[in-house]
Amino acid sequence: MNERIFDRPVFVRERPFIVREVASLDDALDFLDHWPEADRGLIYQTAWKACCDVFDGHKPLPVARHAFEGFAKRAGILEDADAVLPWMGRGKGSSGRTSV
């Protein structure tokens, strides 16, 4: 089992109509690494440092998840998991379509 997987994912809006699941420390670091440099303020720096501290073993994994979620909320890109999950998952044998 991967020790870097969050207990529950964080969902963030990447672009209009595109939601990304950030389910692990590696996902969070990748997302933050690609964040535009012009938008890397104090909240970004705090999240980045927390994730790096967890990566280096100085802090527990929930610290990274909490910091990343806080960053996403302040950046206005945090998506509600309850709203996202029904669209992402499919039941066994389901085509993914809904009846109207």
C-alpha atoms as a PDB file:
ATOM      1  CA  MET A   1       0.000   0.000   0.000  1.00  0.00           C
ATOM      2  CA  ASN A   2       1.244   3.476  -0.871  1.00  0.00           C
ATOM      3  CA  GLU A   3       1.906   5.495   2.283  1.00  0.00           C
ATOM      4  CA  ARG A   4       1.398   8.719   0.343  1.00  0.00           C
ATOM      5  CA  ILE A   5      -2.296   8.234  -0.580  1.00  0.00           C
ATOM      6  CA  PHE A   6      -4.700  10.631   1.130  1.00  0.00           C
ATOM      7  CA  ASP A   7      -7.523   9.215   3.251  1.00  0.00           C
ATOM      8  CA  ARG A   8      -9.910  10.933   0.815  1.00  0.00           C
ATOM      9  CA  PRO A   9      -9.146  12.809  -2.396  1.00  0.00           C
ATOM     10  CA  VAL A  10      -9.329  16.549  -2.971  1.00  0.00           C
ATOM     11  CA  PHE A  11     -11.110  17.626  -6.151  1.00  0.00           C
ATOM     12  CA  VAL A  12      -9.954  20.760  -7.938  1.00  0.00           C
ATOM     13  CA  ARG A  13     -11.144  22.542 -11.056  1.00  0.00           C
ATOM     14  CA  GLU A  14      -8.316  22.737 -13.587  1.00  0.00           C
ATOM     15  CA  ARG A  15     -10.244  24.459 -16.366  1.00  0.00           C
ATOM     16  CA  PRO A  16     -13.914  25.053 -17.035  1.00  0.00           C
ATOM     17  CA  PHE A  17     -15.609  21.644 -17.059  1.00  0.00           C
ATOM     18  CA  ILE A  18     -12.417  19.780 -16.055  1.00  0.00           C
ATOM     19  CA  VAL A  19     -12.145  18.499 -12.501  1.00  0.00           C
ATOM     20  CA  ARG A  20      -8.984  16.776 -11.306  1.00  0.00           C
ATOM     21  CA  GLU A  21      -8.784  14.271  -8.471  1.00  0.00           C
ATOM     22  CA  VAL A  22      -5.783  14.846  -6.206  1.00  0.00           C
ATOM     23  CA  ALA A  23      -5.580  11.580  -4.290  1.00  0.00           C
ATOM     24  CA  SER A  24      -1.998  11.499  -3.066  1.00  0.00           C
ATOM     25  CA  LEU A  25       0.980  13.548  -2.009  1.00  0.00           C
ATOM     26  CA  ASP A  26       2.542  12.988  -5.427  1.00  0.00           C
ATOM     27  CA  ASP A  27      -0.632  14.316  -7.118  1.00  0.00           C
ATOM     28  CA  ALA A  28      -0.593  17.410  -4.899  1.00  0.00           C
ATOM     29  CA  LEU A  29       3.080  18.119  -5.578  1.00  0.00           C
ATOM     30  CA  ASP A  30       2.543  17.664  -9.322  1.00  0.00           C
ATOM     31  CA  PHE A  31      -0.435  20.029  -9.300  1.00  0.00           C
ATOM     32  CA  LEU A  32       1.430  22.652  -7.286  1.00  0.00           C
ATOM     33  CA  ASP A  33       4.534  22.305  -9.465  1.00  0.00           C
ATOM     34  CA  HIS A  34       2.456  23.226 -12.528  1.00  0.00           C
ATOM     35  CA  TRP A  35       0.692  26.166 -10.850  1.00  0.00           C
ATOM     36  CA  PRO A  36       1.465  29.435 -12.679  1.00  0.00           C
ATOM     37  CA  GLU A  37       4.481  31.164 -11.154  1.00  0.00           C
ATOM     38  CA  ALA A  38       2.737  34.547 -11.259  1.00  0.00           C
ATOM     39  CA  ASP A  39       0.034  33.171  -8.908  1.00  0.00           C
ATOM     40  CA  ARG A  40       2.359  31.622  -6.315  1.00  0.00           C
ATOM     41  CA  GLY A  41       1.518  33.694  -3.253  1.00  0.00           C
ATOM     42  CA  LEU A  42       1.776  32.999   0.463  1.00  0.00           C
ATOM     43  CA  ILE A  43      -0.989  30.361   0.485  1.00  0.00           C
ATOM     44  CA  TYR A  44       0.727  28.535  -2.373  1.00  0.00           C
ATOM     45  CA  GLN A  45       4.103  28.689  -0.602  1.00  0.00           C
ATOM     46  CA  THR A  46       2.571  27.361   2.615  1.00  0.00           C
ATOM     47  CA  ALA A  47       0.957  24.425   0.793  1.00  0.00           C
ATOM     48  CA  TRP A  48       4.156  23.700  -1.144  1.00  0.00           C
ATOM     49  CA  LYS A  49       6.276  23.727   2.027  1.00  0.00           C
ATOM     50  CA  ALA A  50       3.818  21.487   3.887  1.00  0.00           C
ATOM     51  CA  CYS A  51       3.817  18.962   1.032  1.00  0.00           C
ATOM     52  CA  CYS A  52       7.631  19.025   0.850  1.00  0.00           C
ATOM     53  CA  ASP A  53       7.873  18.540   4.625  1.00  0.00           C
ATOM     54  CA  VAL A  54       5.606  15.506   4.372  1.00  0.00           C
ATOM     55  CA  PHE A  55       7.592  14.188   1.412  1.00  0.00           C
ATOM     56  CA  ASP A  56      10.778  14.500   3.465  1.00  0.00           C
ATOM     57  CA  GLY A  57       9.191  12.685   6.411  1.00  0.00           C
ATOM     58  CA  HIS A  58       9.106  15.689   8.749  1.00  0.00           C
ATOM     59  CA  LYS A  59       5.302  15.844   9.012  1.00  0.00           C
ATOM     60  CA  PRO A  60       2.431  13.343   8.747  1.00  0.00           C
ATOM     61  CA  LEU A  61       0.468  12.897   5.514  1.00  0.00           C
ATOM     62  CA  PRO A  62      -2.754  14.612   6.714  1.00  0.00           C
ATOM     63  CA  VAL A  63      -0.806  17.887   6.990  1.00  0.00           C
ATOM     64  CA  ALA A  64      -0.203  17.865   3.223  1.00  0.00           C
ATOM     65  CA  ARG A  65      -3.816  17.081   2.409  1.00  0.00           C
ATOM     66  CA  HIS A  66      -5.091  19.804   4.720  1.00  0.00           C
ATOM     67  CA  ALA A  67      -2.635  22.377   3.310  1.00  0.00           C
ATOM     68  CA  PHE A  68      -3.458  21.460  -0.279  1.00  0.00           C
ATOM     69  CA  GLU A  69      -7.190  21.652   0.392  1.00  0.00           C
ATOM     70  CA  GLY A  70      -6.728  25.076   2.022  1.00  0.00           C
ATOM     71  CA  PHE A  71      -4.733  26.272  -0.979  1.00  0.00           C
ATOM     72  CA  ALA A  72      -7.422  25.034  -3.374  1.00  0.00           C
ATOM     73  CA  LYS A  73     -10.158  26.719  -1.367  1.00  0.00           C
ATOM     74  CA  ARG A  74      -8.322  30.084  -1.289  1.00  0.00           C
ATOM     75  CA  ALA A  75      -7.504  29.797  -4.997  1.00  0.00           C
ATOM     76  CA  GLY A  76     -11.210  29.260  -5.732  1.00  0.00           C
ATOM     77  CA  ILE A  77     -10.670  25.893  -7.417  1.00  0.00           C
ATOM     78  CA  LEU A  78     -11.870  23.500  -4.701  1.00  0.00           C
ATOM     79  CA  GLU A  79     -14.753  21.309  -5.852  1.00  0.00           C
ATOM     80  CA  ASP A  80     -17.250  19.597  -3.558  1.00  0.00           C
ATOM     81  CA  ALA A  81     -16.580  15.846  -3.536  1.00  0.00           C
ATOM     82  CA  ASP A  82     -20.287  15.057  -3.111  1.00  0.00           C
ATOM     83  CA  ALA A  83     -21.059  16.918  -6.326  1.00  0.00           C
ATOM     84  CA  VAL A  84     -18.171  15.376  -8.280  1.00  0.00           C
ATOM     85  CA  LEU A  85     -18.236  11.716  -7.251  1.00  0.00           C
ATOM     86  CA  PRO A  86     -21.625  10.750  -8.754  1.00  0.00           C
ATOM     87  CA  TRP A  87     -20.343  11.835 -12.162  1.00  0.00           C
ATOM     88  CA  MET A  88     -16.998  10.062 -11.820  1.00  0.00           C
ATOM     89  CA  GLY A  89     -18.093   6.628 -10.683  1.00  0.00           C
ATOM     90  CA  ARG A  90     -20.055   4.033 -12.555  1.00  0.00           C
ATOM     91  CA  GLY A  91     -21.831   1.067 -11.160  1.00  0.00           C
ATOM     92  CA  LYS A  92     -20.921  -2.412 -12.380  1.00  0.00           C
ATOM     93  CA  GLY A  93     -22.387  -2.923 -15.812  1.00  0.00           C
ATOM     94  CA  SER A  94     -23.477   0.706 -16.097  1.00  0.00           C
ATOM     95  CA  SER A  95     -22.907   2.627 -19.286  1.00  0.00           C
ATOM     96  CA  GLY A  96     -22.539   5.844 -17.359  1.00  0.00           C
ATOM     97  CA  ARG A  97     -25.691   7.255 -18.930  1.00  0.00           C
ATOM     98  CA  THR A  98     -28.704   8.362 -16.991  1.00  0.00           C
ATOM     99  CA  SER A  99     -32.327   8.047 -17.964  1.00  0.00           C
ATOM    100  CA  VAL A 100     -34.413  11.152 -18.404  1.00  0.00           C
END
